[in-house]
C-alpha atoms as a PDB file:
ATOM      1  CA  MET A   1      16.970 -67.742  54.046  1.00  0.00           C
ATOM      2  CA  GLN A   2      19.130 -70.678  55.134  1.00  0.00           C
ATOM      3  CA  ARG A   3      22.448 -71.144  57.044  1.00  0.00           C
ATOM      4  CA  SER A   4      24.083 -72.170  53.739  1.00  0.00           C
ATOM      5  CA  ASP A   5      23.520 -68.731  52.354  1.00  0.00           C
ATOM      6  CA  PHE A   6      26.169 -67.299  54.680  1.00  0.00           C
ATOM      7  CA  ARG A   7      29.971 -67.543  54.776  1.00  0.00           C
ATOM      8  CA  CYS A   8      30.353 -65.417  57.948  1.00  0.00           C
ATOM      9  CA  PHE A   9      28.827 -66.310  61.320  1.00  0.00           C
ATOM     10  CA  HIS A  10      29.041 -64.892  64.763  1.00  0.00           C
ATOM     11  CA  ARG A  11      28.085 -67.172  67.666  1.00  0.00           C
ATOM     12  CA  LEU A  12      26.633 -65.821  70.920  1.00  0.00           C
ATOM     13  CA  ARG A  13      24.568 -66.948  73.918  1.00  0.00           C
ATOM     14  CA  VAL A  14      21.543 -65.047  75.210  1.00  0.00           C
ATOM     15  CA  ARG A  15      22.286 -63.268  78.419  1.00  0.00           C
ATOM     16  CA  TRP A  16      19.846 -62.482  81.291  1.00  0.00           C
ATOM     17  CA  ALA A  17      20.026 -58.763  80.596  1.00  0.00           C
ATOM     18  CA  GLU A  18      18.664 -59.302  76.997  1.00  0.00           C
ATOM     19  CA  VAL A  19      15.357 -60.897  77.774  1.00  0.00           C
ATOM     20  CA  ASP A  20      12.182 -58.919  78.516  1.00  0.00           C
ATOM     21  CA  MET A  21       9.164 -59.442  80.801  1.00  0.00           C
ATOM     22  CA  GLN A  22       7.898 -62.157  78.340  1.00  0.00           C
ATOM     23  CA  LYS A  23      11.117 -64.077  78.998  1.00  0.00           C
ATOM     24  CA  ILE A  24      12.099 -63.739  75.350  1.00  0.00           C
ATOM     25  CA  VAL A  25      14.847 -61.668  73.740  1.00  0.00           C
ATOM     26  CA  PHE A  26      13.775 -58.009  73.558  1.00  0.00           C
ATOM     27  CA  ASN A  27      13.217 -57.132  69.934  1.00  0.00           C
ATOM     28  CA  ALA A  28      15.777 -54.274  69.829  1.00  0.00           C
ATOM     29  CA  HIS A  29      18.645 -56.594  70.938  1.00  0.00           C
ATOM     30  CA  TYR A  30      18.555 -58.446  67.646  1.00  0.00           C
ATOM     31  CA  LEU A  31      19.957 -55.356  65.832  1.00  0.00           C
ATOM     32  CA  MET A  32      22.706 -55.329  68.457  1.00  0.00           C
ATOM     33  CA  TYR A  33      23.414 -58.972  67.656  1.00  0.00           C
ATOM     34  CA  ILE A  34      23.685 -58.119  63.925  1.00  0.00           C
ATOM     35  CA  ASP A  35      25.908 -55.163  64.523  1.00  0.00           C
ATOM     36  CA  THR A  36      28.183 -57.410  66.704  1.00  0.00           C
ATOM     37  CA  ALA A  37      28.291 -59.866  63.786  1.00  0.00           C
ATOM     38  CA  MET A  38      29.361 -56.944  61.454  1.00  0.00           C
ATOM     39  CA  SER A  39      32.651 -56.767  63.411  1.00  0.00           C
ATOM     40  CA  ASP A  40      33.265 -60.391  62.665  1.00  0.00           C
ATOM     41  CA  TYR A  41      32.521 -59.748  59.047  1.00  0.00           C
ATOM     42  CA  TRP A  42      35.308 -57.152  58.880  1.00  0.00           C
ATOM     43  CA  ARG A  43      37.623 -59.557  60.637  1.00  0.00           C
ATOM     44  CA  ALA A  44      36.792 -62.183  58.035  1.00  0.00           C
ATOM     45  CA  LEU A  45      37.701 -59.629  55.383  1.00  0.00           C
ATOM     46  CA  ALA A  46      41.049 -59.000  57.149  1.00  0.00           C
ATOM     47  CA  LEU A  47      40.081 -55.338  57.388  1.00  0.00           C
ATOM     48  CA  PRO A  48      40.871 -53.480  60.567  1.00  0.00           C
ATOM     49  CA  TYR A  49      37.938 -51.174  60.410  1.00  0.00           C
ATOM     50  CA  GLU A  50      39.561 -47.876  61.375  1.00  0.00           C
ATOM     51  CA  ALA A  51      42.767 -48.173  59.365  1.00  0.00           C
ATOM     52  CA  SER A  52      40.813 -49.572  56.343  1.00  0.00           C
ATOM     53  CA  MET A  53      38.319 -46.749  56.242  1.00  0.00           C
ATOM     54  CA  GLU A  54      41.169 -44.258  56.581  1.00  0.00           C
ATOM     55  CA  ALA A  55      42.807 -45.919  53.565  1.00  0.00           C
ATOM     56  CA  LEU A  56      39.558 -45.841  51.582  1.00  0.00           C
ATOM     57  CA  GLY A  57      38.789 -42.308  52.397  1.00  0.00           C
ATOM     58  CA  GLY A  58      35.391 -42.665  53.927  1.00  0.00           C
ATOM     59  CA  GLU A  59      33.100 -44.363  56.454  1.00  0.00           C
ATOM     60  CA  MET A  60      30.248 -46.843  56.380  1.00  0.00           C
ATOM     61  CA  TYR A  61      26.948 -45.422  57.756  1.00  0.00           C
ATOM     62  CA  VAL A  62      23.628 -47.352  58.333  1.00  0.00           C
ATOM     63  CA  LYS A  63      20.890 -45.687  56.248  1.00  0.00           C
ATOM     64  CA  LYS A  64      18.114 -48.141  56.826  1.00  0.00           C
ATOM     65  CA  ALA A  65      17.454 -51.304  58.825  1.00  0.00           C
ATOM     66  CA  THR A  66      14.514 -53.643  58.327  1.00  0.00           C
ATOM     67  CA  VAL A  67      13.927 -56.527  60.751  1.00  0.00           C
ATOM     68  CA  GLU A  68      11.378 -59.392  60.397  1.00  0.00           C
ATOM     69  CA  TYR A  69      10.817 -61.651  63.406  1.00  0.00           C
ATOM     70  CA  HIS A  70       9.845 -65.331  62.760  1.00  0.00           C
ATOM     71  CA  ALA A  71      10.353 -66.841  66.243  1.00  0.00           C
ATOM     72  CA  SER A  72      11.771 -65.932  69.600  1.00  0.00           C
ATOM     73  CA  ALA A  73      15.136 -66.588  71.269  1.00  0.00           C
ATOM     74  CA  ARG A  74      15.323 -67.262  74.997  1.00  0.00           C
ATOM     75  CA  LEU A  75      17.708 -67.099  77.865  1.00  0.00           C
ATOM     76  CA  ASP A  76      20.795 -69.276  77.376  1.00  0.00           C
ATOM     77  CA  ASP A  77      19.953 -70.103  73.699  1.00  0.00           C
ATOM     78  CA  THR A  78      23.058 -70.372  71.475  1.00  0.00           C
ATOM     79  CA  LEU A  79      22.451 -68.218  68.365  1.00  0.00           C
ATOM     80  CA  ASP A  80      24.451 -68.001  65.116  1.00  0.00           C
ATOM     81  CA  VAL A  81      24.208 -64.684  63.307  1.00  0.00           C
ATOM     82  CA  GLY A  82      24.954 -64.977  59.598  1.00  0.00           C
ATOM     83  CA  LEU A  83      25.890 -61.937  57.609  1.00  0.00           C
ATOM     84  CA  ARG A  84      26.456 -61.349  53.904  1.00  0.00           C
ATOM     85  CA  CYS A  85      26.785 -58.479  51.418  1.00  0.00           C
ATOM     86  CA  ALA A  86      24.065 -59.171  49.009  1.00  0.00           C
ATOM     87  CA  ARG A  87      24.545 -56.189  46.671  1.00  0.00           C
ATOM     88  CA  VAL A  88      26.843 -53.163  46.135  1.00  0.00           C
ATOM     89  CA  GLY A  89      25.334 -50.148  44.394  1.00  0.00           C
ATOM     90  CA  ASN A  90      26.788 -46.782  43.548  1.00  0.00           C
ATOM     91  CA  SER A  91      27.245 -45.491  47.056  1.00  0.00           C
ATOM     92  CA  SER A  92      25.388 -48.035  49.138  1.00  0.00           C
ATOM     93  CA  SER A  93      25.686 -51.648  50.039  1.00  0.00           C
ATOM     94  CA  LEU A  94      22.978 -54.005  51.024  1.00  0.00           C
ATOM     95  CA  PHE A  95      23.705 -56.535  53.831  1.00  0.00           C
ATOM     96  CA  GLU A  96      21.446 -59.440  54.805  1.00  0.00           C
ATOM     97  CA  ALA A  97      21.491 -61.108  58.152  1.00  0.00           C
ATOM     98  CA  GLY A  98      19.921 -64.237  59.513  1.00  0.00           C
ATOM     99  CA  ILE A  99      19.799 -65.159  63.205  1.00  0.00           C
ATOM    100  CA  PHE A 100      19.546 -68.911  63.630  1.00  0.00           C
ATOM    101  CA  SER A 101      19.055 -71.318  66.538  1.00  0.00           C
ATOM    102  CA  GLY A 102      20.397 -74.522  65.032  1.00  0.00           C
ATOM    103  CA  ASP A 103      18.848 -74.556  61.654  1.00  0.00           C
ATOM    104  CA  GLN A 104      15.722 -72.578  62.631  1.00  0.00           C
ATOM    105  CA  LEU A 105      15.576 -69.003  61.331  1.00  0.00           C
ATOM    106  CA  LEU A 106      14.471 -66.653  64.089  1.00  0.00           C
ATOM    107  CA  VAL A 107      15.119 -63.274  62.616  1.00  0.00           C
ATOM    108  CA  SER A 108      15.935 -61.996  59.201  1.00  0.00           C
ATOM    109  CA  ALA A 109      17.108 -58.400  58.419  1.00  0.00           C
ATOM    110  CA  GLU A 110      18.297 -56.113  55.777  1.00  0.00           C
ATOM    111  CA  LEU A 111      20.708 -53.204  56.367  1.00  0.00           C
ATOM    112  CA  ILE A 112      21.667 -50.479  53.882  1.00  0.00           C
ATOM    113  CA  TYR A 113      25.085 -48.995  54.521  1.00  0.00           C
ATOM    114  CA  VAL A 114      26.123 -45.791  52.664  1.00  0.00           C
ATOM    115  CA  PHE A 115      29.713 -45.033  51.995  1.00  0.00           C
ATOM    116  CA  ALA A 116      30.284 -41.363  52.902  1.00  0.00           C
ATOM    117  CA  ASP A 117      32.664 -38.548  53.628  1.00  0.00           C
ATOM    118  CA  PRO A 118      33.260 -38.741  57.474  1.00  0.00           C
ATOM    119  CA  THR A 119      33.377 -34.953  57.829  1.00  0.00           C
ATOM    120  CA  THR A 120      30.303 -33.975  55.842  1.00  0.00           C
ATOM    121  CA  GLN A 121      28.552 -37.272  55.955  1.00  0.00           C
ATOM    122  CA  THR A 122      27.653 -36.839  52.364  1.00  0.00           C
ATOM    123  CA  SER A 123      27.616 -39.986  50.258  1.00  0.00           C
ATOM    124  CA  ARG A 124      30.508 -41.040  48.025  1.00  0.00           C
ATOM    125  CA  PRO A 125      30.766 -43.817  45.465  1.00  0.00           C
ATOM    126  CA  VAL A 126      31.851 -47.122  47.002  1.00  0.00           C
ATOM    127  CA  PRO A 127      35.593 -47.425  46.247  1.00  0.00           C
ATOM    128  CA  PRO A 128      36.342 -50.037  43.626  1.00  0.00           C
ATOM    129  CA  ALA A 129      38.744 -51.772  46.129  1.00  0.00           C
ATOM    130  CA  LEU A 130      36.036 -52.143  48.652  1.00  0.00           C
ATOM    131  CA  ARG A 131      33.513 -53.326  46.056  1.00  0.00           C
ATOM    132  CA  ALA A 132      35.978 -55.985  44.844  1.00  0.00           C
ATOM    133  CA  ILE A 133      36.637 -57.104  48.529  1.00  0.00           C
ATOM    134  CA  PHE A 134      32.937 -57.650  49.221  1.00  0.00           C
ATOM    135  CA  GLU A 135      32.266 -59.412  45.990  1.00  0.00           C
ATOM    136  CA  SER A 136      35.342 -61.619  46.274  1.00  0.00           C
ATOM    137  CA  PHE A 137      34.606 -62.730  49.855  1.00  0.00           C
ATOM    138  CA  GLU A 138      31.047 -63.682  49.028  1.00  0.00           C
ATOM    139  CA  ALA A 139      32.353 -65.675  45.982  1.00  0.00           C
ATOM    140  CA  GLY A 140      34.626 -67.661  48.457  1.00  0.00           C
ATOM    141  CA  ALA A 141      37.926 -66.137  47.596  1.00  0.00           C
ATOM    142  CA  GLU A 142      40.813 -65.658  49.981  1.00  0.00           C
ATOM    143  CA  MET A 143      41.006 -62.285  51.675  1.00  0.00           C
ATOM    144  CA  ALA A 144      44.741 -62.072  52.412  1.00  0.00           C
ATOM    145  CA  GLU A 145      48.122 -63.334  51.389  1.00  0.00           C
ATOM    146  CA  VAL A 146      51.195 -64.278  53.331  1.00  0.00           C
ATOM    147  CA  ARG A 147      54.561 -62.962  52.182  1.00  0.00           C
ATOM    148  CA  THR A 148      57.872 -64.264  53.506  1.00  0.00           C
ATOM    149  CA  GLY A 149      61.221 -62.538  53.268  1.00  0.00           C
ATOM    150  CA  ASP A 150      64.071 -60.858  55.024  1.00  0.00           C
ATOM    151  CA  TRP A 151      63.984 -57.876  57.274  1.00  0.00           C
ATOM    152  CA  ASN A 152      64.895 -55.479  54.580  1.00  0.00           C
ATOM    153  CA  THR A 153      61.842 -56.554  52.620  1.00  0.00           C
ATOM    154  CA  LEU A 154      59.241 -56.922  55.416  1.00  0.00           C
ATOM    155  CA  GLY A 155      60.782 -55.235  58.450  1.00  0.00           C
ATOM    156  CA  ARG A 156      58.901 -51.945  58.135  1.00  0.00           C
ATOM    157  CA  ASP A 157      55.434 -53.618  58.258  1.00  0.00           C
ATOM    158  CA  ALA A 158      56.473 -56.387  60.650  1.00  0.00           C
ATOM    159  CA  GLY A 159      57.966 -53.837  63.049  1.00  0.00           C
ATOM    160  CA  ARG A 160      54.888 -51.624  62.868  1.00  0.00           C
ATOM    161  CA  LEU A 161      52.673 -54.589  63.992  1.00  0.00           C
ATOM    162  CA  ARG A 162      55.036 -55.693  66.691  1.00  0.00           C
ATOM    163  CA  THR A 163      55.282 -52.220  68.181  1.00  0.00           C
ATOM    164  CA  ALA A 164      51.526 -51.921  68.259  1.00  0.00           C
ATOM    165  CA  VAL A 165      51.027 -55.349  69.990  1.00  0.00           C
ATOM    166  CA  PHE A 166      54.046 -55.823  72.184  1.00  0.00           C
ATOM    167  CA  VAL A 167      55.078 -52.254  73.125  1.00  0.00           C
ATOM    168  CA  ARG A 168      51.832 -50.201  73.062  1.00  0.00           C
ATOM    169  CA  GLU A 169      49.356 -52.963  74.013  1.00  0.00           C
ATOM    170  CA  GLN A 170      51.353 -55.273  76.259  1.00  0.00           C
ATOM    171  CA  HIS A 171      53.720 -52.585  77.554  1.00  0.00           C
ATOM    172  CA  ILE A 172      56.897 -54.613  76.762  1.00  0.00           C
ATOM    173  CA  PRO A 173      59.915 -52.311  76.659  1.00  0.00           C
ATOM    174  CA  ALA A 174      60.884 -51.391  73.047  1.00  0.00           C
ATOM    175  CA  GLU A 175      64.528 -52.245  73.686  1.00  0.00           C
ATOM    176  CA  ILE A 176      63.437 -55.851  74.575  1.00  0.00           C
ATOM    177  CA  GLU A 177      61.068 -56.288  71.619  1.00  0.00           C
ATOM    178  CA  ALA A 178      63.598 -55.350  69.008  1.00  0.00           C
ATOM    179  CA  ASP A 179      66.816 -57.303  68.762  1.00  0.00           C
ATOM    180  CA  ALA A 180      69.754 -58.067  66.351  1.00  0.00           C
ATOM    181  CA  LEU A 181      68.204 -61.455  65.401  1.00  0.00           C
ATOM    182  CA  ASP A 182      65.739 -59.762  63.020  1.00  0.00           C
ATOM    183  CA  ALA A 183      68.529 -59.258  60.569  1.00  0.00           C
ATOM    184  CA  THR A 184      69.058 -63.021  60.020  1.00  0.00           C
ATOM    185  CA  ALA A 185      65.453 -64.185  60.629  1.00  0.00           C
ATOM    186  CA  ARG A 186      62.944 -65.323  58.087  1.00  0.00           C
ATOM    187  CA  HIS A 187      59.843 -63.079  58.429  1.00  0.00           C
ATOM    188  CA  ALA A 188      56.276 -63.619  57.452  1.00  0.00           C
ATOM    189  CA  VAL A 189      53.577 -60.939  57.130  1.00  0.00           C
ATOM    190  CA  VAL A 190      49.918 -61.355  56.160  1.00  0.00           C
ATOM    191  CA  TYR A 191      48.605 -58.512  53.902  1.00  0.00           C
ATOM    192  CA  ASN A 192      45.048 -57.777  53.274  1.00  0.00           C
ATOM    193  CA  ARG A 193      43.579 -56.730  49.892  1.00  0.00           C
ATOM    194  CA  LEU A 194      44.271 -53.073  50.695  1.00  0.00           C
ATOM    195  CA  GLY A 195      47.905 -53.908  51.186  1.00  0.00           C
ATOM    196  CA  LEU A 196      47.724 -53.376  54.947  1.00  0.00           C
ATOM    197  CA  PRO A 197      49.705 -55.719  57.191  1.00  0.00           C
ATOM    198  CA  VAL A 198      47.599 -57.531  59.725  1.00  0.00           C
ATOM    199  CA  ALA A 199      49.830 -60.322  61.145  1.00  0.00           C
ATOM    200  CA  THR A 200      53.501 -61.152  61.445  1.00  0.00           C
ATOM    201  CA  GLY A 201      56.040 -63.533  62.909  1.00  0.00           C
ATOM    202  CA  ARG A 202      59.641 -64.670  62.408  1.00  0.00           C
ATOM    203  CA  LEU A 203      61.707 -67.890  62.112  1.00  0.00           C
ATOM    204  CA  LEU A 204      65.219 -68.312  63.523  1.00  0.00           C
ATOM    205  CA  GLN A 205      67.676 -71.158  63.440  1.00  0.00           C
ATOM    206  CA  GLU A 206      67.895 -72.156  67.103  1.00  0.00           C
ATOM    207  CA  SER A 207      70.428 -74.893  66.417  1.00  0.00           C
ATOM    208  CA  PRO A 208      71.288 -77.280  63.609  1.00  0.00           C
ATOM    209  CA  GLY A 209      68.007 -78.895  62.439  1.00  0.00           C
ATOM    210  CA  VAL A 210      65.856 -76.887  64.880  1.00  0.00           C
ATOM    211  CA  GLY A 211      63.895 -73.809  64.013  1.00  0.00           C
ATOM    212  CA  ARG A 212      62.421 -71.276  66.468  1.00  0.00           C
ATOM    213  CA  ILE A 213      59.277 -69.223  65.818  1.00  0.00           C
ATOM    214  CA  GLY A 214      58.719 -65.978  67.659  1.00  0.00           C
ATOM    215  CA  ARG A 215      57.416 -62.404  67.570  1.00  0.00           C
ATOM    216  CA  MET A 216      53.969 -63.597  66.554  1.00  0.00           C
ATOM    217  CA  ALA A 217      51.704 -60.498  66.463  1.00  0.00           C
ATOM    218  CA  VAL A 218      48.190 -59.962  65.020  1.00  0.00           C
ATOM    219  CA  ASP A 219      46.390 -56.663  64.764  1.00  0.00           C
ATOM    220  CA  ARG A 220      43.969 -56.677  67.742  1.00  0.00           C
ATOM    221  CA  SER A 221      40.938 -55.816  65.620  1.00  0.00           C
ATOM    222  CA  VAL A 222      41.245 -58.910  63.404  1.00  0.00           C
ATOM    223  CA  ARG A 223      42.272 -61.526  65.945  1.00  0.00           C
ATOM    224  CA  GLY A 224      40.409 -64.708  65.941  1.00  0.00           C
ATOM    225  CA  ALA A 225      39.886 -64.889  62.168  1.00  0.00           C
ATOM    226  CA  GLN A 226      42.773 -67.228  61.124  1.00  0.00           C
ATOM    227  CA  TRP A 227      45.370 -64.607  60.245  1.00  0.00           C
ATOM    228  CA  GLY A 228      47.754 -65.640  62.998  1.00  0.00           C
ATOM    229  CA  ARG A 229      47.311 -69.272  61.935  1.00  0.00           C
ATOM    230  CA  GLN A 230      48.419 -68.366  58.459  1.00  0.00           C
ATOM    231  CA  VAL A 231      51.535 -66.788  59.622  1.00  0.00           C
ATOM    232  CA  LEU A 232      52.368 -69.839  61.901  1.00  0.00           C
ATOM    233  CA  GLU A 233      51.760 -72.262  59.008  1.00  0.00           C
ATOM    234  CA  ALA A 234      53.997 -70.232  56.711  1.00  0.00           C
ATOM    235  CA  LEU A 235      56.838 -70.268  59.177  1.00  0.00           C
ATOM    236  CA  VAL A 236      56.485 -73.970  59.929  1.00  0.00           C
ATOM    237  CA  ALA A 237      56.515 -74.710  56.215  1.00  0.00           C
ATOM    238  CA  ALA A 238      59.785 -72.524  55.854  1.00  0.00           C
ATOM    239  CA  SER A 239      61.349 -74.416  58.676  1.00  0.00           C
ATOM    240  CA  ARG A 240      60.368 -77.725  57.060  1.00  0.00           C
ATOM    241  CA  ALA A 241      61.586 -76.580  53.711  1.00  0.00           C
ATOM    242  CA  ARG A 242      65.081 -75.854  54.904  1.00  0.00           C
ATOM    243  CA  GLY A 243      65.307 -79.394  56.440  1.00  0.00           C
ATOM    244  CA  ASP A 244      64.637 -78.710  60.097  1.00  0.00           C
ATOM    245  CA  ALA A 245      63.551 -81.752  62.147  1.00  0.00           C
ATOM    246  CA  ALA A 246      61.704 -79.728  64.772  1.00  0.00           C
ATOM    247  CA  VAL A 247      60.430 -76.251  65.412  1.00  0.00           C
ATOM    248  CA  HIS A 248      60.235 -74.613  68.958  1.00  0.00           C
ATOM    249  CA  LEU A 249      58.587 -71.451  70.251  1.00  0.00           C
ATOM    250  CA  HIS A 250      58.042 -69.605  73.525  1.00  0.00           C
ATOM    251  CA  ALA A 251      54.303 -69.006  73.745  1.00  0.00           C
ATOM    252  CA  GLN A 252      52.555 -66.512  75.949  1.00  0.00           C
ATOM    253  CA  ARG A 253      50.294 -68.755  78.221  1.00  0.00           C
ATOM    254  CA  SER A 254      47.158 -66.873  76.909  1.00  0.00           C
ATOM    255  CA  ALA A 255      47.996 -68.256  73.433  1.00  0.00           C
ATOM    256  CA  GLU A 256      48.831 -71.827  74.399  1.00  0.00           C
ATOM    257  CA  GLY A 257      45.552 -73.111  73.130  1.00  0.00           C
ATOM    258  CA  PHE A 258      46.153 -71.461  69.758  1.00  0.00           C
ATOM    259  CA  TYR A 259      49.530 -73.308  69.391  1.00  0.00           C
ATOM    260  CA  ARG A 260      48.071 -76.625  70.617  1.00  0.00           C
ATOM    261  CA  ARG A 261      45.509 -76.498  67.969  1.00  0.00           C
ATOM    262  CA  ALA A 262      48.268 -76.010  65.403  1.00  0.00           C
ATOM    263  CA  GLY A 263      50.037 -79.174  66.578  1.00  0.00           C
ATOM    264  CA  PHE A 264      52.520 -77.927  69.160  1.00  0.00           C
ATOM    265  CA  VAL A 265      53.041 -79.568  72.473  1.00  0.00           C
ATOM    266  CA  VAL A 266      54.301 -78.222  75.790  1.00  0.00           C
ATOM    267  CA  HIS A 267      57.744 -79.148  77.047  1.00  0.00           C
ATOM    268  CA  GLY A 268      59.341 -77.804  80.207  1.00  0.00           C
ATOM    269  CA  GLU A 269      57.907 -75.642  82.969  1.00  0.00           C
ATOM    270  CA  PRO A 270      56.309 -72.253  82.574  1.00  0.00           C
ATOM    271  CA  TRP A 271      58.201 -68.996  83.446  1.00  0.00           C
ATOM    272  CA  GLU A 272      57.708 -65.300  83.410  1.00  0.00           C
ATOM    273  CA  GLU A 273      59.394 -62.919  80.924  1.00  0.00           C
ATOM    274  CA  ALA A 274      58.722 -59.174  80.773  1.00  0.00           C
ATOM    275  CA  GLY A 275      55.922 -59.555  83.315  1.00  0.00           C
ATOM    276  CA  ILE A 276      54.090 -62.155  81.085  1.00  0.00           C
ATOM    277  CA  ALA A 277      53.731 -65.896  81.694  1.00  0.00           C
ATOM    278  CA  HIS A 278      55.331 -68.117  78.924  1.00  0.00           C
ATOM    279  CA  ILE A 279      55.512 -71.767  78.224  1.00  0.00           C
ATOM    280  CA  ALA A 280      57.943 -73.629  75.828  1.00  0.00           C
ATOM    281  CA  MET A 281      56.311 -75.637  73.012  1.00  0.00           C
ATOM    282  CA  LYS A 282      57.590 -77.702  70.069  1.00  0.00           C
ATOM    283  CA  GLN A 283      56.486 -79.531  67.042  1.00  0.00           C
ATOM    284  CA  GLN A 284      58.313 -82.427  65.328  1.00  0.00           C
ATOM    285  CA  LEU A 285      58.564 -81.976  61.576  1.00  0.00           C
END
C-alpha cells in the first residue's frame, strides 16, 4: 500500500489525549482517524451524507473492520489518512485505508460497509447511482458540475442553499438575504451526481465594466472540498466573458483567505453588516 494508491486524504496532527502510557497513539484511535477521513471522502464525492442517504433510500453501516499495525504514531506527528473504495459488491462496499507519516505506512485497514434499510437495518442492494459514484471517483472523474443561468432556472435550488447557510446557520434575517437583484443576476449552482445542489453564488453588474459576485453559499457538510471554488471560478468566467474589466465582492472576513487564494485582493476598510464582519475585495480581469 502506497500513498499513490489514494485519491482522497485527510490530514491530522496527533493530540496529547490520543497517546497512551507507551507514548504512542493508542491502537483504537486509528479507527477514529479512519472514520474522520470517511467524512472527507463524502465531501470529495460532493455528497452531503444525510441528504444523499435520504435520496438513495438507505444508510451505510460498518459490518467489519480489520486493522494491521506496521509502525507507531507519536505526539505531534502529522498523519495523512488515505481512503479508497476498492470494491462494490451486491449490498456491501469494501474500503481500504492507509495511515501515513510522510511516505511511511503506519497502519493499513479494511472496512466493509453494508447498504441497508435504516428502519430495519436489513441489507439492500447498493443503488446503481452510488455504485457509479464510487467507481467514477476512484477512476479520477469529476464529481459535480456547475450550471449557470437565471433565477427562473436556478432560483429554487440557489434559494434553498442560501436560506440554509445565511438564514438558518448565520441567523441573517430572511428579508435581508433575499432581494430584487436576483431577478437580473447571473446565478451559478454546483450539482452533485445525485442532482442535489451543494454550492451557489450570483453575479451582478455593479457598474459598466465591473461585475459584483455575492451570495456565495456552500452546504456546510461539504465545505472545504473545492465546490465553492468552482462556483467562484464560474462567476469570474461569466464576468470576463461579458467584457468586464474587474470583478468586486464583499467577503465575510472568515472567508477572506478563500478569496485571496482565488486571486482577489483587499481594497478599503472592513465593516460590519448583519452582525458579520466584511471586507471589500476585487480582481482585475
